[in-house]
């Protein structure tokens, strides 16, 4: 399973957001069921007014994702909102790998 979080961040708070993001990702990776995270800066389409980042959190299974969403996501999301308010907007989606090599 891949849990994707995309965030659009006002360019004016870019450095503050990135300083916060590293420990935030590390905190998530310390939770049960998380295997790794890939963090990207989205460069297309680029905007001078917005930093767009995309995190891919790889989980061992759907049960781990459901436990995260139930037990940890509300607190972690609230932290981001408290720190950055309307200057950061997040979107989320869940993906499952397809085995096309059959």
Protein backbone atom coordinates (compact mmCIF):
# COMPACT_ATOMS: atom_id res chain seq x y z
CA UNK A 1 0.00 0.00 0.00
CA UNK A 2 1.08 3.54 -0.69
CA UNK A 3 -0.45 6.43 1.20
CA UNK A 4 0.19 9.60 -0.75
CA UNK A 5 0.03 13.06 0.77
CA UNK A 6 0.43 16.08 -1.49
CA UNK A 7 0.80 19.52 0.04
CA UNK A 8 0.72 22.97 -1.50
CA UNK A 9 2.60 25.40 0.71
CA UNK A 10 2.82 29.17 0.36
CA UNK A 11 6.33 29.99 -0.87
CA UNK A 12 6.75 32.51 1.96
CA UNK A 13 6.84 29.69 4.54
CA UNK A 14 8.86 27.21 2.43
CA UNK A 15 11.84 26.97 4.82
CA UNK A 16 9.69 26.69 7.95
CA UNK A 17 7.60 23.98 6.33
CA UNK A 18 10.60 21.95 5.16
CA UNK A 19 12.22 22.19 8.63
CA UNK A 20 9.00 20.79 10.10
CA UNK A 21 8.50 18.17 7.38
CA UNK A 22 11.67 16.16 8.07
CA UNK A 23 10.81 15.34 11.71
CA UNK A 24 7.14 14.90 10.75
CA UNK A 25 8.02 12.21 8.19
CA UNK A 26 10.40 10.57 10.70
CA UNK A 27 7.60 10.45 13.29
CA UNK A 28 5.30 8.72 10.82
CA UNK A 29 7.99 6.22 9.81
CA UNK A 30 8.44 5.27 13.48
CA UNK A 31 4.82 4.06 13.60
CA UNK A 32 4.02 0.35 13.18
CA UNK A 33 3.50 -0.80 9.61
CA UNK A 34 5.41 1.95 7.80
CA UNK A 35 8.26 0.61 5.69
CA UNK A 36 9.65 3.74 4.04
CA UNK A 37 8.79 7.17 2.69
CA UNK A 38 9.75 8.96 -0.50
CA UNK A 39 9.49 12.74 -0.41
CA UNK A 40 9.37 14.73 -3.65
CA UNK A 41 9.24 18.35 -4.65
CA UNK A 42 6.80 18.58 -7.55
CA UNK A 43 8.47 20.60 -10.31
CA UNK A 44 5.81 20.36 -13.01
CA UNK A 45 3.81 22.51 -12.99
CA UNK A 46 6.08 24.89 -11.13
CA UNK A 47 4.74 27.99 -9.44
CA UNK A 48 6.85 30.72 -7.84
CA UNK A 49 4.08 31.27 -5.27
CA UNK A 50 3.76 27.69 -4.08
CA UNK A 51 5.94 24.84 -2.94
CA UNK A 52 4.30 21.54 -3.86
CA UNK A 53 5.57 18.42 -2.12
CA UNK A 54 4.40 14.85 -2.44
CA UNK A 55 5.10 12.12 0.10
CA UNK A 56 4.68 8.42 -0.67
CA UNK A 57 4.43 6.41 2.52
CA UNK A 58 4.88 2.68 1.90
CA UNK A 59 2.99 0.47 4.33
CA UNK A 60 3.16 -3.27 4.88
CA UNK A 61 -0.58 -3.79 4.41
CA UNK A 62 -4.01 -2.20 4.52
CA UNK A 63 -4.47 -3.04 8.21
CA UNK A 64 -1.45 -0.86 9.03
CA UNK A 65 -2.94 2.00 7.03
CA UNK A 66 -6.31 1.69 8.76
CA UNK A 67 -4.61 1.66 12.18
CA UNK A 68 -2.68 4.81 11.24
CA UNK A 69 -5.80 6.59 10.00
CA UNK A 70 -7.72 5.66 13.13
CA UNK A 71 -5.07 6.11 15.83
CA UNK A 72 -2.54 8.68 14.59
CA UNK A 73 -3.71 10.68 11.57
CA UNK A 74 -6.06 13.06 13.42
CA UNK A 75 -3.28 14.23 15.79
CA UNK A 76 -0.65 14.54 13.05
CA UNK A 77 -2.98 16.41 10.72
CA UNK A 78 -4.01 18.78 13.52
CA UNK A 79 -0.35 19.60 14.18
CA UNK A 80 0.17 20.71 10.58
CA UNK A 81 -3.00 22.79 10.62
CA UNK A 82 -2.04 24.43 13.93
CA UNK A 83 1.41 25.35 12.61
CA UNK A 84 0.55 26.45 9.08
CA UNK A 85 -3.20 27.02 8.95
CA UNK A 86 -4.45 28.09 5.53
CA UNK A 87 -0.91 28.52 4.21
CA UNK A 88 -0.68 24.76 3.62
CA UNK A 89 -3.29 22.65 1.85
CA UNK A 90 -3.06 18.86 1.75
CA UNK A 91 -4.66 16.17 -0.39
CA UNK A 92 -4.44 12.46 0.27
CA UNK A 93 -5.00 9.25 -1.62
CA UNK A 94 -4.33 5.55 -1.19
CA UNK A 95 -2.83 3.36 -3.90
CA UNK A 96 -2.25 -0.34 -4.27
CA UNK A 97 0.41 -1.73 -6.64
CA UNK A 98 -0.78 -3.71 -9.63
CA UNK A 99 1.07 -6.84 -10.64
CA UNK A 100 1.20 -6.48 -14.42
CA UNK A 101 4.08 -8.91 -14.97
CA UNK A 102 1.84 -11.95 -15.27
